[in-house]
Amino acid sequence: MQKDSCKRATLKATSVNGVVGEKCIASMWKTRFERIYSSIDCYYYQQQFQDRMKDAVIKSEVKISMDDIINAPPKLKRNKAPGPDNITAEAFLHSTPRLMAHIGILFSWFLEYGYLPGEFTRSIIIPLVKNKSGDLTDADNYTAIMIPNAITKLQEFVLHDKLVTASSEDMYQFGFKAKHSTGQCTGILKRTINYYTDRGSHVFL
């Protein structure tokens, strides 16, 4: 590839933010998503979570049973794109009890030793258009969706009901929470602003 092959060009349908060429556009998205998803330092919260998990395992509060493994696959969504390992959810939905028993042992080891292989944390990130009638060449008109490995989703379902949060911050969470949405959060924000501005006050965010 020539040195200037990734230079910005006049915006057109085959470019995003002025970047042209499939490899260059993919590289642009990679850089953009790396910057977005590493903008907040989560080490403290990761450490808190790991410490809670270790305590729970030591106290035998978290154990994985065969019933947990059997009940998890039906929660996986069918006809979905596979993750980096190229294994679809159907492989687990139609698997044998012997395979699920081995998966149960594997998940139990993850808990016991507090270790998760790097492959379990890998995902495919795809840019998805927010407004199809908007500017398709503008990177801000895209949002990211993440496609993890199906076995990672399976592990999440197995552990989901066993993990009880100890963080008071979760009380104020709107996204990724049952019967909540970020739209609900936006509505509350707008109503709060209107409440004060209608009464002659200033609102600063």
C-alpha atoms as a PDB file:
ATOM      1  CA  MET A   1       0.000   0.000   0.000  1.00  0.00           C
ATOM      2  CA  GLN A   2       1.366   3.404  -0.956  1.00  0.00           C
ATOM      3  CA  LYS A   3       2.172   5.919   1.740  1.00  0.00           C
ATOM      4  CA  ASP A   4      -0.602   8.330   0.739  1.00  0.00           C
ATOM      5  CA  SER A   5      -3.225   5.676  -0.091  1.00  0.00           C
ATOM      6  CA  CYS A   6      -5.185   6.452   3.119  1.00  0.00           C
ATOM      7  CA  LYS A   7      -5.303  10.212   2.591  1.00  0.00           C
ATOM      8  CA  ARG A   8      -8.624  11.980   2.992  1.00  0.00           C
ATOM      9  CA  ALA A   9     -10.625  12.542  -0.167  1.00  0.00           C
ATOM     10  CA  THR A  10     -13.701  14.489  -1.193  1.00  0.00           C
ATOM     11  CA  LEU A  11     -16.745  13.047   0.593  1.00  0.00           C
ATOM     12  CA  LYS A  12     -18.712  10.587  -1.482  1.00  0.00           C
ATOM     13  CA  ALA A  13     -20.836   7.484  -0.958  1.00  0.00           C
ATOM     14  CA  THR A  14     -17.788   5.196  -0.864  1.00  0.00           C
ATOM     15  CA  SER A  15     -16.058   7.152   1.906  1.00  0.00           C
ATOM     16  CA  VAL A  16     -16.563   7.740   5.634  1.00  0.00           C
ATOM     17  CA  ASN A  17     -15.230  10.965   7.134  1.00  0.00           C
ATOM     18  CA  GLY A  18     -13.293  11.436   3.900  1.00  0.00           C
ATOM     19  CA  VAL A  19     -11.444   8.113   4.209  1.00  0.00           C
ATOM     20  CA  VAL A  20     -11.649   5.857   1.137  1.00  0.00           C
ATOM     21  CA  GLY A  21     -10.827   2.220   0.463  1.00  0.00           C
ATOM     22  CA  GLU A  22     -12.076  -0.787   2.445  1.00  0.00           C
ATOM     23  CA  LYS A  23      -8.839  -1.327   4.383  1.00  0.00           C
ATOM     24  CA  CYS A  24      -8.451   2.352   5.201  1.00  0.00           C
ATOM     25  CA  ILE A  25     -12.080   2.689   6.329  1.00  0.00           C
ATOM     26  CA  ALA A  26     -11.712  -0.429   8.510  1.00  0.00           C
ATOM     27  CA  SER A  27      -8.542   1.055  10.005  1.00  0.00           C
ATOM     28  CA  MET A  28     -10.369   4.338  10.667  1.00  0.00           C
ATOM     29  CA  TRP A  29     -13.177   2.509  12.511  1.00  0.00           C
ATOM     30  CA  LYS A  30     -10.618   0.488  14.516  1.00  0.00           C
ATOM     31  CA  THR A  31      -8.848   3.654  15.660  1.00  0.00           C
ATOM     32  CA  ARG A  32     -12.150   5.397  16.424  1.00  0.00           C
ATOM     33  CA  PHE A  33     -13.583   2.550  18.506  1.00  0.00           C
ATOM     34  CA  GLU A  34     -10.295   1.993  20.361  1.00  0.00           C
ATOM     35  CA  ARG A  35     -10.345   5.655  21.373  1.00  0.00           C
ATOM     36  CA  ILE A  36     -14.003   5.565  22.462  1.00  0.00           C
ATOM     37  CA  TYR A  37     -13.833   2.315  24.440  1.00  0.00           C
ATOM     38  CA  SER A  38     -10.570   3.142  26.193  1.00  0.00           C
ATOM     39  CA  SER A  39     -11.575   6.690  27.140  1.00  0.00           C
ATOM     40  CA  ILE A  40     -12.716   5.630  30.643  1.00  0.00           C
ATOM     41  CA  ASP A  41     -10.425   3.858  33.084  1.00  0.00           C
ATOM     42  CA  CYS A  42     -12.388   0.883  34.435  1.00  0.00           C
ATOM     43  CA  TYR A  43      -9.557  -0.803  36.321  1.00  0.00           C
ATOM     44  CA  TYR A  44     -10.923   0.140  39.771  1.00  0.00           C
ATOM     45  CA  TYR A  45     -14.375  -1.299  39.003  1.00  0.00           C
ATOM     46  CA  GLN A  46     -12.903  -4.409  37.403  1.00  0.00           C
ATOM     47  CA  GLN A  47     -10.845  -5.003  40.524  1.00  0.00           C
ATOM     48  CA  GLN A  48     -13.912  -4.523  42.741  1.00  0.00           C
ATOM     49  CA  PHE A  49     -15.870  -7.035  40.674  1.00  0.00           C
ATOM     50  CA  GLN A  50     -13.058  -9.582  40.734  1.00  0.00           C
ATOM     51  CA  ASP A  51     -12.706  -9.241  44.498  1.00  0.00           C
ATOM     52  CA  ARG A  52     -16.465  -9.764  44.987  1.00  0.00           C
ATOM     53  CA  MET A  53     -16.352 -12.846  42.758  1.00  0.00           C
ATOM     54  CA  LYS A  54     -13.405 -14.331  44.670  1.00  0.00           C
ATOM     55  CA  ASP A  55     -15.212 -13.827  47.984  1.00  0.00           C
ATOM     56  CA  ALA A  56     -18.399 -15.361  46.618  1.00  0.00           C
ATOM     57  CA  VAL A  57     -16.567 -18.415  45.287  1.00  0.00           C
ATOM     58  CA  ILE A  58     -14.621 -18.894  48.541  1.00  0.00           C
ATOM     59  CA  LYS A  59     -17.864 -18.694  50.530  1.00  0.00           C
ATOM     60  CA  SER A  60     -19.508 -21.098  48.036  1.00  0.00           C
ATOM     61  CA  GLU A  61     -22.158 -18.481  47.269  1.00  0.00           C
ATOM     62  CA  VAL A  62     -21.604 -18.914  43.529  1.00  0.00           C
ATOM     63  CA  LYS A  63     -21.676 -22.427  42.105  1.00  0.00           C
ATOM     64  CA  ILE A  64     -22.537 -23.647  38.633  1.00  0.00           C
ATOM     65  CA  SER A  65     -24.864 -26.619  38.485  1.00  0.00           C
ATOM     66  CA  MET A  66     -25.842 -28.824  35.538  1.00  0.00           C
ATOM     67  CA  ASP A  67     -29.308 -27.253  35.646  1.00  0.00           C
ATOM     68  CA  ASP A  68     -27.711 -23.825  35.108  1.00  0.00           C
ATOM     69  CA  ILE A  69     -25.913 -25.129  32.022  1.00  0.00           C
ATOM     70  CA  ILE A  70     -29.014 -26.844  30.609  1.00  0.00           C
ATOM     71  CA  ASN A  71     -31.249 -23.799  31.151  1.00  0.00           C
ATOM     72  CA  ALA A  72     -28.859 -21.326  29.533  1.00  0.00           C
ATOM     73  CA  PRO A  73     -28.815 -22.311  25.788  1.00  0.00           C
ATOM     74  CA  PRO A  74     -32.543 -21.634  25.153  1.00  0.00           C
ATOM     75  CA  LYS A  75     -31.876 -17.997  26.132  1.00  0.00           C
ATOM     76  CA  LEU A  76     -29.488 -17.597  23.183  1.00  0.00           C
ATOM     77  CA  LYS A  77     -31.016 -15.876  20.148  1.00  0.00           C
ATOM     78  CA  ARG A  78     -31.268 -17.921  16.967  1.00  0.00           C
ATOM     79  CA  ASN A  79     -30.208 -16.886  13.468  1.00  0.00           C
ATOM     80  CA  LYS A  80     -27.623 -14.405  14.718  1.00  0.00           C
ATOM     81  CA  ALA A  81     -24.203 -13.729  13.210  1.00  0.00           C
ATOM     82  CA  PRO A  82     -21.375 -15.670  14.886  1.00  0.00           C
ATOM     83  CA  GLY A  83     -18.596 -13.984  16.817  1.00  0.00           C
ATOM     84  CA  PRO A  84     -14.839 -14.188  16.155  1.00  0.00           C
ATOM     85  CA  ASP A  85     -14.803 -17.981  16.699  1.00  0.00           C
ATOM     86  CA  ASN A  86     -17.392 -18.400  13.893  1.00  0.00           C
ATOM     87  CA  ILE A  87     -19.573 -20.690  16.060  1.00  0.00           C
ATOM     88  CA  THR A  88     -23.288 -19.866  16.044  1.00  0.00           C
ATOM     89  CA  ALA A  89     -25.736 -20.152  18.939  1.00  0.00           C
ATOM     90  CA  GLU A  90     -27.392 -23.130  17.234  1.00  0.00           C
ATOM     91  CA  ALA A  91     -24.288 -25.230  17.988  1.00  0.00           C
ATOM     92  CA  PHE A  92     -25.190 -25.007  21.684  1.00  0.00           C
ATOM     93  CA  LEU A  93     -28.956 -25.083  21.215  1.00  0.00           C
ATOM     94  CA  HIS A  94     -28.677 -28.500  19.505  1.00  0.00           C
ATOM     95  CA  SER A  95     -25.708 -29.827  21.457  1.00  0.00           C
ATOM     96  CA  THR A  96     -25.502 -33.049  23.463  1.00  0.00           C
ATOM     97  CA  PRO A  97     -25.628 -33.307  27.276  1.00  0.00           C
ATOM     98  CA  ARG A  98     -21.997 -34.509  27.230  1.00  0.00           C
ATOM     99  CA  LEU A  99     -20.824 -31.256  25.602  1.00  0.00           C
ATOM    100  CA  MET A 100     -22.825 -29.136  28.056  1.00  0.00           C
ATOM    101  CA  ALA A 101     -21.322 -31.081  30.983  1.00  0.00           C
ATOM    102  CA  HIS A 102     -17.829 -30.251  29.743  1.00  0.00           C
ATOM    103  CA  ILE A 103     -18.818 -26.588  29.317  1.00  0.00           C
ATOM    104  CA  GLY A 104     -20.139 -26.584  32.884  1.00  0.00           C
ATOM    105  CA  ILE A 105     -16.787 -27.883  34.154  1.00  0.00           C
ATOM    106  CA  LEU A 106     -14.965 -25.230  32.104  1.00  0.00           C
ATOM    107  CA  PHE A 107     -17.109 -22.394  33.498  1.00  0.00           C
ATOM    108  CA  SER A 108     -16.611 -23.714  37.031  1.00  0.00           C
ATOM    109  CA  TRP A 109     -12.843 -23.621  36.546  1.00  0.00           C
ATOM    110  CA  PHE A 110     -13.079 -20.025  35.341  1.00  0.00           C
ATOM    111  CA  LEU A 111     -14.793 -19.134  38.602  1.00  0.00           C
ATOM    112  CA  GLU A 112     -12.522 -21.179  40.833  1.00  0.00           C
ATOM    113  CA  TYR A 113      -9.284 -19.781  39.411  1.00  0.00           C
ATOM    114  CA  GLY A 114     -10.570 -16.289  38.599  1.00  0.00           C
ATOM    115  CA  TYR A 115      -9.316 -16.584  35.037  1.00  0.00           C
ATOM    116  CA  LEU A 116     -10.970 -15.912  31.681  1.00  0.00           C
ATOM    117  CA  PRO A 117      -9.130 -16.696  28.412  1.00  0.00           C
ATOM    118  CA  GLY A 118      -8.612 -13.828  26.023  1.00  0.00           C
ATOM    119  CA  GLU A 119     -10.765 -15.549  23.381  1.00  0.00           C
ATOM    120  CA  PHE A 120     -13.772 -15.157  25.692  1.00  0.00           C
ATOM    121  CA  THR A 121     -13.341 -11.379  25.718  1.00  0.00           C
ATOM    122  CA  ARG A 122     -13.013 -10.942  21.955  1.00  0.00           C
ATOM    123  CA  SER A 123     -15.897  -9.489  19.934  1.00  0.00           C
ATOM    124  CA  ILE A 124     -16.604  -8.182  16.468  1.00  0.00           C
ATOM    125  CA  ILE A 125     -17.593  -4.509  16.439  1.00  0.00           C
ATOM    126  CA  ILE A 126     -19.759  -3.393  13.514  1.00  0.00           C
ATOM    127  CA  PRO A 127     -20.712   0.222  12.745  1.00  0.00           C
ATOM    128  CA  LEU A 128     -24.488   0.500  12.310  1.00  0.00           C
ATOM    129  CA  VAL A 129     -26.204   3.462  10.651  1.00  0.00           C
ATOM    130  CA  LYS A 130     -28.303   5.560  13.062  1.00  0.00           C
ATOM    131  CA  ASN A 131     -30.244   7.593  10.486  1.00  0.00           C
ATOM    132  CA  LYS A 132     -30.494   5.946   7.047  1.00  0.00           C
ATOM    133  CA  SER A 133     -31.755   9.160   5.492  1.00  0.00           C
ATOM    134  CA  GLY A 134     -28.835  11.088   7.006  1.00  0.00           C
ATOM    135  CA  ASP A 135     -25.261  11.506   5.801  1.00  0.00           C
ATOM    136  CA  LEU A 136     -23.871   7.989   5.341  1.00  0.00           C
ATOM    137  CA  THR A 137     -20.359   9.394   4.945  1.00  0.00           C
ATOM    138  CA  ASP A 138     -20.390  10.918   8.450  1.00  0.00           C
ATOM    139  CA  ALA A 139     -18.906   8.649  11.130  1.00  0.00           C
ATOM    140  CA  ASP A 140     -21.075  10.380  13.771  1.00  0.00           C
ATOM    141  CA  ASN A 141     -24.118   8.907  11.994  1.00  0.00           C
ATOM    142  CA  TYR A 142     -23.038   5.438  13.081  1.00  0.00           C
ATOM    143  CA  THR A 143     -23.263   3.540  16.340  1.00  0.00           C
ATOM    144  CA  ALA A 144     -21.345   0.418  17.276  1.00  0.00           C
ATOM    145  CA  ILE A 145     -22.881  -3.002  17.865  1.00  0.00           C
ATOM    146  CA  MET A 146     -20.825  -5.786  19.391  1.00  0.00           C
ATOM    147  CA  ILE A 147     -21.015  -9.438  18.378  1.00  0.00           C
ATOM    148  CA  PRO A 148     -19.366 -11.685  21.010  1.00  0.00           C
ATOM    149  CA  ASN A 149     -18.751 -15.407  20.766  1.00  0.00           C
ATOM    150  CA  ALA A 150     -21.862 -17.478  21.453  1.00  0.00           C
ATOM    151  CA  ILE A 151     -20.106 -19.360  24.266  1.00  0.00           C
ATOM    152  CA  THR A 152     -19.346 -16.021  25.941  1.00  0.00           C
ATOM    153  CA  LYS A 153     -23.057 -15.151  25.850  1.00  0.00           C
ATOM    154  CA  LEU A 154     -23.788 -18.603  27.236  1.00  0.00           C
ATOM    155  CA  GLN A 155     -21.471 -17.927  30.171  1.00  0.00           C
ATOM    156  CA  GLU A 156     -23.158 -14.568  30.785  1.00  0.00           C
ATOM    157  CA  PHE A 157     -26.565 -16.239  31.011  1.00  0.00           C
ATOM    158  CA  VAL A 158     -25.225 -18.878  33.406  1.00  0.00           C
ATOM    159  CA  LEU A 159     -23.773 -16.252  35.742  1.00  0.00           C
ATOM    160  CA  HIS A 160     -26.401 -13.524  35.346  1.00  0.00           C
ATOM    161  CA  ASP A 161     -28.820 -14.625  38.056  1.00  0.00           C
ATOM    162  CA  LYS A 162     -25.985 -15.529  40.444  1.00  0.00           C
ATOM    163  CA  LEU A 163     -24.351 -12.136  40.582  1.00  0.00           C
ATOM    164  CA  VAL A 164     -25.831  -9.570  42.929  1.00  0.00           C
ATOM    165  CA  THR A 165     -24.354  -6.102  42.554  1.00  0.00           C
ATOM    166  CA  ALA A 166     -22.937  -4.278  45.550  1.00  0.00           C
ATOM    167  CA  SER A 167     -22.592  -0.976  43.717  1.00  0.00           C
ATOM    168  CA  SER A 168     -24.963   1.850  44.654  1.00  0.00           C
ATOM    169  CA  GLU A 169     -24.219   3.413  41.256  1.00  0.00           C
ATOM    170  CA  ASP A 170     -26.268   0.691  39.540  1.00  0.00           C
ATOM    171  CA  MET A 171     -29.402   2.215  41.089  1.00  0.00           C
ATOM    172  CA  TYR A 172     -29.022   5.106  38.650  1.00  0.00           C
ATOM    173  CA  GLN A 173     -28.302   3.002  35.578  1.00  0.00           C
ATOM    174  CA  PHE A 174     -30.768   3.133  32.674  1.00  0.00           C
ATOM    175  CA  GLY A 175     -29.101   1.171  29.870  1.00  0.00           C
ATOM    176  CA  PHE A 176     -28.745  -2.635  29.886  1.00  0.00           C
ATOM    177  CA  LYS A 177     -31.205  -2.967  32.756  1.00  0.00           C
ATOM    178  CA  ALA A 178     -34.580  -4.715  32.839  1.00  0.00           C
ATOM    179  CA  LYS A 179     -37.592  -2.385  32.333  1.00  0.00           C
ATOM    180  CA  HIS A 180     -35.243   0.573  31.790  1.00  0.00           C
ATOM    181  CA  SER A 181     -33.906   2.341  28.714  1.00  0.00           C
ATOM    182  CA  THR A 182     -31.719   5.293  27.806  1.00  0.00           C
ATOM    183  CA  GLY A 183     -34.828   6.860  26.247  1.00  0.00           C
ATOM    184  CA  GLN A 184     -36.414   6.854  29.704  1.00  0.00           C
ATOM    185  CA  CYS A 185     -33.337   8.633  31.041  1.00  0.00           C
ATOM    186  CA  THR A 186     -33.584  11.282  28.316  1.00  0.00           C
ATOM    187  CA  GLY A 187     -37.254  11.862  29.132  1.00  0.00           C
ATOM    188  CA  ILE A 188     -36.486  12.394  32.815  1.00  0.00           C
ATOM    189  CA  LEU A 189     -33.711  14.827  31.916  1.00  0.00           C
ATOM    190  CA  LYS A 190     -35.994  16.867  29.654  1.00  0.00           C
ATOM    191  CA  ARG A 191     -38.783  16.979  32.239  1.00  0.00           C
ATOM    192  CA  THR A 192     -36.319  18.086  34.916  1.00  0.00           C
ATOM    193  CA  ILE A 193     -34.995  20.881  32.700  1.00  0.00           C
ATOM    194  CA  ASN A 194     -38.513  22.005  31.803  1.00  0.00           C
ATOM    195  CA  TYR A 195     -39.544  22.015  35.473  1.00  0.00           C
ATOM    196  CA  TYR A 196     -36.878  24.565  36.393  1.00  0.00           C
ATOM    197  CA  THR A 197     -36.919  26.688  33.235  1.00  0.00           C
ATOM    198  CA  ASP A 198     -40.727  27.043  33.412  1.00  0.00           C
ATOM    199  CA  ARG A 199     -40.205  28.523  36.894  1.00  0.00           C
ATOM    200  CA  GLY A 200     -37.605  31.027  35.727  1.00  0.00           C
ATOM    201  CA  SER A 201     -34.513  29.158  36.876  1.00  0.00           C
ATOM    202  CA  HIS A 202     -31.355  28.428  34.933  1.00  0.00           C
ATOM    203  CA  VAL A 203     -30.206  24.851  34.344  1.00  0.00           C
ATOM    204  CA  PHE A 204     -26.558  23.967  33.818  1.00  0.00           C
ATOM    205  CA  LEU A 205     -25.326  20.560  32.638  1.00  0.00           C
END
